[in-house]
Every structure is written in C-alpha cells, then in structure tokens.
Amino acid sequence: MNAALRLFLVRGLGLRSANLLIKHFKTPDCVFDSKRGELEALGVPAEIADEILSPRSADRALGEEERAVKLGVQIIDILDPQYPPLLREIFDPPIVLYVSGKNWNPELPQLAIVGTRRPTGYGLNCAERLAEDLAVRGLAITSGLARGLDAAAHRGALRGGTTYAVFGSGLDFIYPKENRELADLVKQKGAIISEFPLGTAPSPQNFPIRNRIIAGMSLGVMVVEAAEYSGSLITVRLALEAGREIFAVPGNITSANSFGPHVLIRQGAKLVTGWQDVVEELPYPIREKILAPLVAGMHAAPEPQLDGAEAKVWRALSLQEAVSIDTLLAKLPLSTSDVYSALLVLETSDYIRQLPGKKYIRRL
C-alpha cells in the first residue's frame, strides 16, 4: 500500500501537517509505526492521531488504489523518483500526485504557458506557436487544460513534442467537457496530473491550488494574455514565491487582455517575441542542449506561394484579428463557393485556423 496516499487521505490532516510528519519520521511508512503520543507531541490533535492509526485510513487508501488501477492512473508519492524534482522545492508540495499518460518524464524540463479563457486571435496564435517552437526543442509545455490559452498551449505543444495538463479536479473529471478530446491527446503525448483524489469535482477553490503545481513543476511561467484579475496572475505570484522565471508576451495596448503581460513586463518579466527569448533565460545545461543542435528547418516558414482565390483570401486575413465569412464575402470579388473552397485549402495546408463563430485568422 502507498503509505503517503494513506496519510494524504486522512480526514482533517492538512497538507502542511502531512509534510511535517513525513519530514519528522523520514518516510510515510514510519508515520504509521508511531504511537499516538508521538503524533500528539508534533501538534496532531488526538482525534486525527486516532484516525491516522486507525484501520479505516488503510481501507480508504486501498480503495483509492483499486480505483486508480481500473482507470490506468499511477499514484506517485513525494519520495518516488517519478515525482517532479522541482515540485519538492516549493513551500507546500503535494505528498502524492495522480498521473495518467504514456509519456510522463519528471526529469524533462517544463515551461508553463498560461493565460485568459477569453483570448483574442492574436493570443491564440502566440500561445500555439510558442508552445510548438519550445516543445520541438525539448521543453515540456505545462498548463491547466482550461478553455482559451491553456488549450491553445497544449495544442501547439502536441504538434512539437510533450505537454502536461494539471487538473483542478480528480483525473476522472475532465473539465471543461469540451476539452475531453484534447485531454485524450495530452495523455497520448504527455500526461494529465492532479493532486486531488479521484471523484473530486472541479470547484473554484481548487484552481489556485492547482496553479501552484503548474508553477512548481516548471522552470518558468509565460503569460500570453491576462486581464487585470486573471487567475494567471495567481500562477505568476506562486511562481515568484518558488523562485521561477517569469515571461510575458506583449499585446495590443488597447486590449484589456494585455493588462497582465504589460504589468509583468514593467515589473521585470522577460519580454517574449520568440522562443529564443525563453531559452536564453533557462539554466545553462538546458540552454546549451537546446541551442547546440539548431536543426535546419525549425525556423518560421516563408509566406506561402499562392495564386487565384487562395491568394485573395489569404491577403484579406491577418494575424491580429479574426475575420468572419460574411466579411470576406462582402470584401472579396469572389463567389461564395470560391471563398469556402479557398478557406478549406488554406486551412488544410495549415496556413490559417478557424475560430469559433466561423471566423478565420492567419497562423503565425
């Protein structure tokens, strides 16, 4: 039985108290070999000490392990080599992590990309492009699977390499439901992670708790777009407390979504216009490993060589703002079928992307 899981599931025992007990007794197993008086001497209330030593705590852990096995979930304790080493360094690390995925590697350097749930087309493009560029160079991209920029970061990373999604619920709850397919893809090329027991629903108070894991596992946190009261800024605060690097992508000065990144840049965050800006701030061994090979073909593709309807539609689109079908039809001397046909060609060629509401924007 996983002794750390047993300790984690003790009702009334907080995370800091659990970490204190592990630190004092050296291993989770030794906590359960102790006496009630020893636990009380460490500040554990009598009723919780009884709960720790009770067979009920063992039964609870066994039941959780059985559910995890059925779901293909691995439970990793804080002393396990599979536990992310940077996460151990934060003030209140989880004593267990639930992990499900085919490519979990705790030693792989991670970078968090976070941002608003209501991004602009520019923000989506930036998140996807930067995530892909960094993932293809060996960084795992970590985010929270939320709609908006989190999802964009995962999608970009999936094209280039590895990505990890940290949940604010048990791993048996995919939230939001619209990202279920994305979560399955993340499991194929990375992993989904949580510290919450199976069966835990996604509650608002869980997400700041989740954010400290995103920050704690990563070398740094990049904010793409974030409004004044964005939860992404909570992640930044947690990252600063853990001594992590902060990166920010500048945006349109008239957009409310640019408030967060611009404040961070004024406060000393690294301004990011490309993957190089991130890599040059990473620890020396990681930076050198990424920069040494500089494989040909990793740079941005040139502007596509197009003609006919595709060229006209391409020129009518931009990187900054998404354009609707109606606008294109009104703007271009083309038939409806020609516009739809050109959009299909451009999208399947990966030159443009479709956003909700039948709007289109160029890819970076």
Protein backbone atom coordinates (compact mmCIF):
# COMPACT_ATOMS: atom_id res chain seq x y z
CA MET A 1 0.00 0.00 0.00
CA ASN A 2 1.13 3.56 -0.73
CA ALA A 3 1.69 4.96 2.77
CA ALA A 4 1.83 8.56 1.53
CA LEU A 5 -1.59 8.09 -0.09
CA ARG A 6 -2.93 6.69 3.18
CA LEU A 7 -1.63 9.75 5.01
CA PHE A 8 -2.96 12.08 2.32
CA LEU A 9 -6.48 10.68 2.65
CA VAL A 10 -6.65 11.06 6.46
CA ARG A 11 -9.62 13.32 7.13
CA GLY A 12 -8.75 16.52 8.95
CA LEU A 13 -5.00 16.26 8.38
CA GLY A 14 -3.80 19.21 6.32
CA LEU A 15 -1.08 19.08 3.70
CA ARG A 16 1.43 21.00 5.78
CA SER A 17 0.90 18.70 8.76
CA ALA A 18 1.33 15.67 6.49
CA ASN A 19 4.59 17.09 5.11
CA LEU A 20 5.77 17.81 8.66
CA LEU A 21 5.11 14.20 9.69
CA ILE A 22 6.99 12.81 6.68
CA LYS A 23 9.90 15.13 7.39
CA HIS A 24 9.99 14.12 11.06
CA PHE A 25 9.62 10.36 10.58
CA LYS A 26 11.71 10.30 7.35
CA THR A 27 9.24 8.11 5.43
CA PRO A 28 5.43 7.89 5.24
CA ASP A 29 5.57 4.24 6.40
CA CYS A 30 7.24 5.25 9.65
CA VAL A 31 4.34 7.59 10.45
CA PHE A 32 2.09 4.57 10.80
CA ASP A 33 4.61 2.77 13.02
CA SER A 34 4.47 5.63 15.52
CA LYS A 35 2.44 5.95 18.72
CA ARG A 36 -0.46 8.28 19.34
CA GLY A 37 1.62 10.22 21.90
CA GLU A 38 4.36 10.85 19.34
CA LEU A 39 1.84 12.27 16.90
CA GLU A 40 0.24 14.50 19.54
CA ALA A 41 3.69 15.78 20.55
CA LEU A 42 4.05 17.02 16.97
CA GLY A 43 0.83 19.01 17.23
CA VAL A 44 -1.59 16.46 15.75
CA PRO A 45 -4.96 16.59 17.55
CA ALA A 46 -5.92 13.40 19.37
CA GLU A 47 -8.89 12.57 17.14
CA ILE A 48 -6.77 12.96 13.98
CA ALA A 49 -3.97 10.87 15.51
CA ASP A 50 -6.54 8.15 16.11
CA GLU A 51 -7.71 8.46 12.50
CA ILE A 52 -4.13 8.15 11.21
CA LEU A 53 -3.53 4.93 13.13
CA SER A 54 -6.99 3.51 12.50
CA PRO A 55 -7.57 0.65 10.03
CA ARG A 56 -10.07 2.98 8.36
CA SER A 57 -7.26 5.03 6.87
CA ALA A 58 -5.71 1.88 5.41
CA ASP A 59 -9.04 0.75 3.93
CA ARG A 60 -9.57 4.16 2.38
CA ALA A 61 -6.15 4.06 0.70
CA LEU A 62 -6.68 0.52 -0.59
CA GLY A 63 -10.00 1.54 -2.13
CA GLU A 64 -8.39 4.55 -3.81
CA GLU A 65 -5.57 2.42 -5.20
CA GLU A 66 -8.06 -0.05 -6.67
CA ARG A 67 -9.99 2.76 -8.39
CA ALA A 68 -6.73 4.20 -9.73
CA VAL A 69 -5.66 0.85 -11.21
CA LYS A 70 -9.00 0.49 -13.02
CA LEU A 71 -8.59 3.96 -14.53
CA GLY A 72 -4.95 3.48 -15.50
CA VAL A 73 -3.81 6.12 -13.03
CA GLN A 74 -0.44 5.97 -11.30
CA ILE A 75 -0.15 7.36 -7.75
CA ILE A 76 3.30 8.82 -7.08
CA ASP A 77 4.44 9.86 -3.61
CA ILE A 78 6.82 12.69 -2.80
CA LEU A 79 9.80 10.36 -2.24
CA ASP A 80 9.29 8.45 -5.51
CA PRO A 81 11.88 9.03 -8.29
CA GLN A 82 8.92 9.67 -10.62
CA TYR A 83 7.93 12.74 -8.58
CA PRO A 84 8.97 16.02 -10.32
CA PRO A 85 12.11 17.24 -8.52
CA LEU A 86 11.35 20.97 -8.80
CA LEU A 87 7.96 20.46 -7.17
CA ARG A 88 9.60 19.16 -3.99
CA GLU A 89 11.21 22.60 -3.56
CA ILE A 90 8.00 24.61 -3.12
CA PHE A 91 6.65 25.60 0.30
CA ASP A 92 3.79 23.08 0.42
CA PRO A 93 4.40 20.32 -2.14
CA PRO A 94 1.70 17.67 -2.66
CA ILE A 95 2.62 14.43 -0.89
CA VAL A 96 1.02 12.43 -3.72
CA LEU A 97 0.35 13.05 -7.39
CA TYR A 98 -2.10 11.19 -9.61
CA VAL A 99 -0.61 10.75 -13.09
CA SER A 100 -2.07 9.23 -16.25
CA GLY A 101 -0.31 9.27 -19.59
CA LYS A 102 2.10 7.50 -21.90
CA ASN A 103 4.96 9.97 -21.72
CA TRP A 104 5.45 11.13 -18.13
CA ASN A 105 9.07 12.09 -17.53
CA PRO A 106 9.73 14.01 -14.29
CA GLU A 107 13.23 14.95 -15.47
CA LEU A 108 12.04 16.65 -18.65
CA PRO A 109 12.39 20.45 -18.24
CA GLN A 110 8.99 22.13 -18.20
CA LEU A 111 7.74 25.58 -19.09
CA ALA A 112 4.25 26.73 -18.10
CA ILE A 113 2.16 28.73 -20.57
CA VAL A 114 -0.97 30.30 -19.11
CA GLY A 115 -3.47 32.99 -19.96
CA THR A 116 -7.05 34.10 -20.24
CA ARG A 117 -10.00 31.85 -21.02
CA ARG A 118 -11.25 34.53 -23.45
CA PRO A 119 -8.28 35.18 -25.72
CA THR A 120 -8.03 37.16 -28.92
CA GLY A 121 -6.97 35.52 -32.15
CA TYR A 122 -3.55 37.07 -31.66
CA GLY A 123 -3.25 35.44 -28.23
CA LEU A 124 -4.27 32.02 -29.53
CA ASN A 125 -1.73 32.25 -32.33
CA CYS A 126 1.05 33.30 -29.96
CA ALA A 127 0.33 30.54 -27.45
CA GLU A 128 0.18 27.82 -30.08
CA ARG A 129 3.26 28.97 -31.96
CA LEU A 130 5.44 29.50 -28.90
CA ALA A 131 4.32 26.18 -27.37
CA GLU A 132 5.15 24.33 -30.58
CA ASP A 133 8.51 26.06 -31.01
CA LEU A 134 9.53 25.29 -27.43
CA ALA A 135 8.18 21.73 -27.40
CA VAL A 136 10.05 20.82 -30.58
CA ARG A 137 13.22 21.94 -28.82
CA GLY A 138 12.75 19.59 -25.89
CA LEU A 139 10.72 21.51 -23.32
CA ALA A 140 7.52 20.01 -21.95
CA ILE A 141 4.72 22.59 -22.04
CA THR A 142 2.65 22.60 -18.86
CA SER A 143 -0.76 24.21 -18.46
CA GLY A 144 -4.18 23.68 -16.92
CA LEU A 145 -6.35 22.39 -19.81
CA ALA A 146 -8.70 25.35 -19.35
CA ARG A 147 -10.52 26.73 -22.38
CA GLY A 148 -8.73 29.53 -24.17
CA LEU A 149 -4.98 29.94 -23.93
CA ASP A 150 -4.31 26.83 -21.83
CA ALA A 151 -5.91 24.69 -24.53
CA ALA A 152 -4.01 26.57 -27.25
CA ALA A 153 -0.70 25.92 -25.48
CA HIS A 154 -1.47 22.20 -25.27
CA ARG A 155 -2.47 22.06 -28.94
CA GLY A 156 0.72 23.77 -30.04
CA ALA A 157 2.88 21.54 -27.87
CA LEU A 158 1.19 18.42 -29.25
CA ARG A 159 2.46 19.37 -32.72
CA GLY A 160 6.02 19.67 -31.44
CA GLY A 161 6.57 17.33 -28.51
CA THR A 162 5.38 16.77 -24.95
CA THR A 163 2.74 18.52 -22.86
CA TYR A 164 1.39 18.06 -19.33
CA ALA A 165 -2.05 19.15 -18.13
CA VAL A 166 -2.64 19.78 -14.43
CA PHE A 167 -6.24 19.34 -13.26
CA GLY A 168 -8.22 21.22 -10.62
CA SER A 169 -10.26 18.05 -10.05
CA GLY A 170 -9.79 14.31 -9.85
CA LEU A 171 -8.44 12.76 -13.04
CA ASP A 172 -11.82 11.11 -13.60
CA PHE A 173 -13.37 14.57 -14.18
CA ILE A 174 -12.42 16.25 -17.46
CA TYR A 175 -13.08 19.97 -17.16
CA PRO A 176 -14.21 21.69 -19.24
CA LYS A 177 -16.03 18.84 -21.01
CA GLU A 178 -15.31 20.42 -24.39
CA ASN A 179 -11.62 19.55 -23.85
CA ARG A 180 -12.18 15.83 -23.40
CA GLU A 181 -10.68 15.00 -26.79
CA LEU A 182 -7.74 17.32 -26.07
CA ALA A 183 -7.17 15.57 -22.72
CA ASP A 184 -7.00 12.22 -24.52
CA LEU A 185 -4.39 13.61 -26.91
CA VAL A 186 -2.37 15.00 -24.00
CA LYS A 187 -2.39 11.54 -22.39
CA GLN A 188 -1.01 10.07 -25.62
CA LYS A 189 1.93 12.51 -25.94
CA GLY A 190 2.38 13.54 -22.31
CA ALA A 191 0.33 13.16 -19.14
CA ILE A 192 -2.55 14.53 -17.12
CA ILE A 193 -1.78 15.23 -13.46
CA SER A 194 -3.66 16.07 -10.27
CA GLU A 195 -3.19 16.08 -6.52
CA PHE A 196 -6.94 15.75 -5.93
CA PRO A 197 -8.42 12.34 -5.05
CA LEU A 198 -10.46 10.52 -7.64
CA GLY A 199 -14.04 11.68 -7.60
CA THR A 200 -13.16 15.29 -6.72
CA ALA A 201 -15.32 17.65 -8.78
CA PRO A 202 -13.82 20.84 -10.31
CA SER A 203 -14.62 23.51 -7.72
CA PRO A 204 -13.47 27.16 -7.94
CA GLN A 205 -11.30 26.87 -4.82
CA ASN A 206 -9.35 24.00 -6.41
CA PHE A 207 -7.82 26.03 -9.23
CA PRO A 208 -5.46 28.28 -7.22
CA ILE A 209 -4.28 25.06 -5.50
CA ARG A 210 -3.76 23.50 -8.95
CA ASN A 211 -1.86 26.57 -10.12
CA ARG A 212 0.92 26.10 -7.58
CA ILE A 213 1.67 22.71 -9.16
CA ILE A 214 1.83 24.24 -12.65
CA ALA A 215 4.27 26.85 -11.33
CA GLY A 216 6.16 24.45 -9.07
CA MET A 217 6.95 21.84 -11.73
CA SER A 218 8.14 24.43 -14.26
CA LEU A 219 11.36 26.34 -14.79
CA GLY A 220 9.28 29.40 -15.58
CA VAL A 221 5.80 30.69 -16.35
CA MET A 222 4.86 32.51 -19.54
CA VAL A 223 1.76 34.71 -19.62
CA VAL A 224 0.34 35.33 -23.08
CA GLU A 225 -2.85 37.32 -22.40
CA ALA A 226 -4.37 38.06 -18.99
CA ALA A 227 -6.85 40.67 -17.82
CA GLU A 228 -6.44 42.61 -14.57
CA TYR A 229 -7.96 39.95 -12.29
CA SER A 230 -6.92 36.87 -14.24
CA GLY A 231 -6.17 33.65 -12.41
CA SER A 232 -2.98 33.51 -14.47
CA LEU A 233 -1.56 36.24 -12.25
CA ILE A 234 -2.08 33.93 -9.25
CA THR A 235 0.11 31.40 -11.04
CA VAL A 236 2.73 34.11 -11.55
CA ARG A 237 2.69 35.02 -7.85
CA LEU A 238 3.15 31.37 -6.91
CA ALA A 239 5.97 31.05 -9.44
CA LEU A 240 7.75 34.09 -7.98
CA GLU A 241 7.43 32.62 -4.48
CA ALA A 242 9.08 29.46 -5.81
CA GLY A 243 11.88 31.44 -7.48
CA ARG A 244 10.84 30.67 -11.05
CA GLU A 245 11.40 32.81 -14.17
CA ILE A 246 8.52 34.95 -15.43
CA PHE A 247 7.93 35.59 -19.13
CA ALA A 248 5.29 37.78 -20.79
CA VAL A 249 4.15 38.23 -24.37
CA PRO A 250 3.34 41.88 -25.23
CA GLY A 251 -0.05 42.63 -26.74
CA ASN A 252 -2.25 45.33 -28.17
CA ILE A 253 -2.21 48.33 -25.80
CA THR A 254 -5.94 48.87 -26.34
CA SER A 255 -6.85 45.32 -25.30
CA ALA A 256 -7.87 44.51 -21.72
CA ASN A 257 -6.13 41.15 -22.17
CA SER A 258 -2.79 42.95 -22.42
CA PHE A 259 -3.04 44.33 -18.88
CA GLY A 260 -1.41 41.34 -17.18
CA PRO A 261 1.56 40.85 -19.53
CA HIS A 262 2.31 44.58 -19.69
CA VAL A 263 2.26 44.96 -15.90
CA LEU A 264 4.58 41.97 -15.60
CA ILE A 265 6.98 43.41 -18.20
CA ARG A 266 7.09 46.73 -16.29
CA GLN A 267 7.88 44.75 -13.14
CA GLY A 268 10.79 42.93 -14.76
CA ALA A 269 9.33 39.90 -16.55
CA LYS A 270 11.20 38.83 -19.68
CA LEU A 271 9.50 40.17 -22.80
CA VAL A 272 8.94 37.33 -25.26
CA THR A 273 8.71 37.75 -29.02
CA GLY A 274 10.00 34.28 -29.92
CA TRP A 275 11.23 31.00 -28.45
CA GLN A 276 14.80 32.34 -28.26
CA ASP A 277 13.74 34.86 -25.59
CA VAL A 278 12.67 31.99 -23.35
CA VAL A 279 15.58 29.66 -23.99
CA GLU A 280 18.24 32.27 -23.22
CA GLU A 281 16.86 32.60 -19.66
CA LEU A 282 16.95 28.86 -18.89
CA PRO A 283 19.66 27.22 -16.73
CA TYR A 284 22.94 26.79 -18.58
CA PRO A 285 22.88 23.00 -19.22
CA ILE A 286 19.34 23.12 -20.61
CA ARG A 287 20.02 26.22 -22.69
CA GLU A 288 23.14 24.75 -24.23
CA LYS A 289 21.44 21.47 -25.04
CA ILE A 290 18.69 23.32 -26.90
CA LEU A 291 20.87 25.81 -28.75
CA ALA A 292 23.71 23.49 -29.76
CA PRO A 293 21.98 21.48 -32.49
CA LEU A 294 19.91 24.30 -34.12
CA VAL A 295 18.46 21.88 -36.61
CA ALA A 296 17.72 23.29 -40.04
CA GLY A 297 14.07 23.71 -40.83
CA MET A 298 12.94 24.81 -37.38
CA HIS A 299 12.58 28.46 -38.33
CA ALA A 300 9.31 30.09 -39.36
CA ALA A 301 8.05 29.08 -42.79
CA PRO A 302 8.13 31.75 -45.51
CA GLU A 303 4.90 33.35 -46.73
CA PRO A 304 3.05 30.76 -48.82
CA GLN A 305 3.19 30.96 -52.60
CA LEU A 306 -0.47 31.23 -53.58
CA ASP A 307 -2.50 32.38 -56.53
CA GLY A 308 -6.13 32.74 -57.55
CA ALA A 309 -8.83 32.70 -54.87
CA GLU A 310 -6.46 31.35 -52.19
CA ALA A 311 -4.14 34.34 -52.61
CA LYS A 312 -7.03 36.82 -52.40
CA VAL A 313 -8.48 35.21 -49.28
CA TRP A 314 -5.02 34.99 -47.68
CA ARG A 315 -4.42 38.71 -48.23
CA ALA A 316 -7.83 39.52 -46.72
CA LEU A 317 -6.88 37.76 -43.46
CA SER A 318 -4.45 38.93 -40.78
CA LEU A 319 -2.50 37.76 -37.75
CA GLN A 320 -4.16 40.31 -35.48
CA GLU A 321 -7.91 39.92 -35.83
CA ALA A 322 -10.14 37.05 -36.90
CA VAL A 323 -12.31 37.75 -39.96
CA SER A 324 -15.81 36.32 -40.40
CA ILE A 325 -17.14 34.58 -43.51
CA ASP A 326 -19.64 37.40 -44.04
CA THR A 327 -16.84 39.99 -44.01
CA LEU A 328 -14.82 38.01 -46.53
CA LEU A 329 -17.82 37.62 -48.84
CA ALA A 330 -18.56 41.34 -48.67
CA LYS A 331 -14.92 42.31 -49.15
CA LEU A 332 -13.81 40.00 -51.97
CA PRO A 333 -14.90 39.85 -55.64
CA LEU A 334 -15.38 36.08 -55.31
CA SER A 335 -18.36 33.75 -55.25
CA THR A 336 -19.43 32.07 -52.02
CA SER A 337 -18.22 28.70 -53.28
CA ASP A 338 -14.81 30.14 -54.24
CA VAL A 339 -14.34 31.67 -50.75
CA TYR A 340 -15.31 28.44 -48.98
CA SER A 341 -13.09 26.40 -51.27
CA ALA A 342 -10.11 28.72 -50.70
CA LEU A 343 -10.62 28.65 -46.94
CA LEU A 344 -10.66 24.86 -46.97
CA VAL A 345 -7.40 24.73 -48.96
CA LEU A 346 -5.69 27.27 -46.67
CA GLU A 347 -6.86 25.53 -43.50
CA THR A 348 -5.86 22.03 -44.62
CA SER A 349 -2.48 23.45 -45.67
CA ASP A 350 -2.11 24.80 -42.09
CA TYR A 351 -1.82 28.41 -43.29
CA ILE A 352 -4.89 29.60 -41.39
CA ARG A 353 -7.04 28.42 -38.49
CA GLN A 354 -10.75 28.59 -37.87
CA LEU A 355 -12.01 30.12 -34.63
CA PRO A 356 -15.48 29.81 -33.07
CA GLY A 357 -18.20 31.69 -34.95
CA LYS A 358 -16.85 30.79 -38.40
CA LYS A 359 -14.02 33.31 -38.14
CA TYR A 360 -10.57 32.84 -39.63
CA ILE A 361 -7.10 34.09 -38.81
CA ARG A 362 -3.62 33.51 -40.24
CA ARG A 363 -1.27 31.22 -38.37
CA LEU A 364 1.97 32.77 -37.23
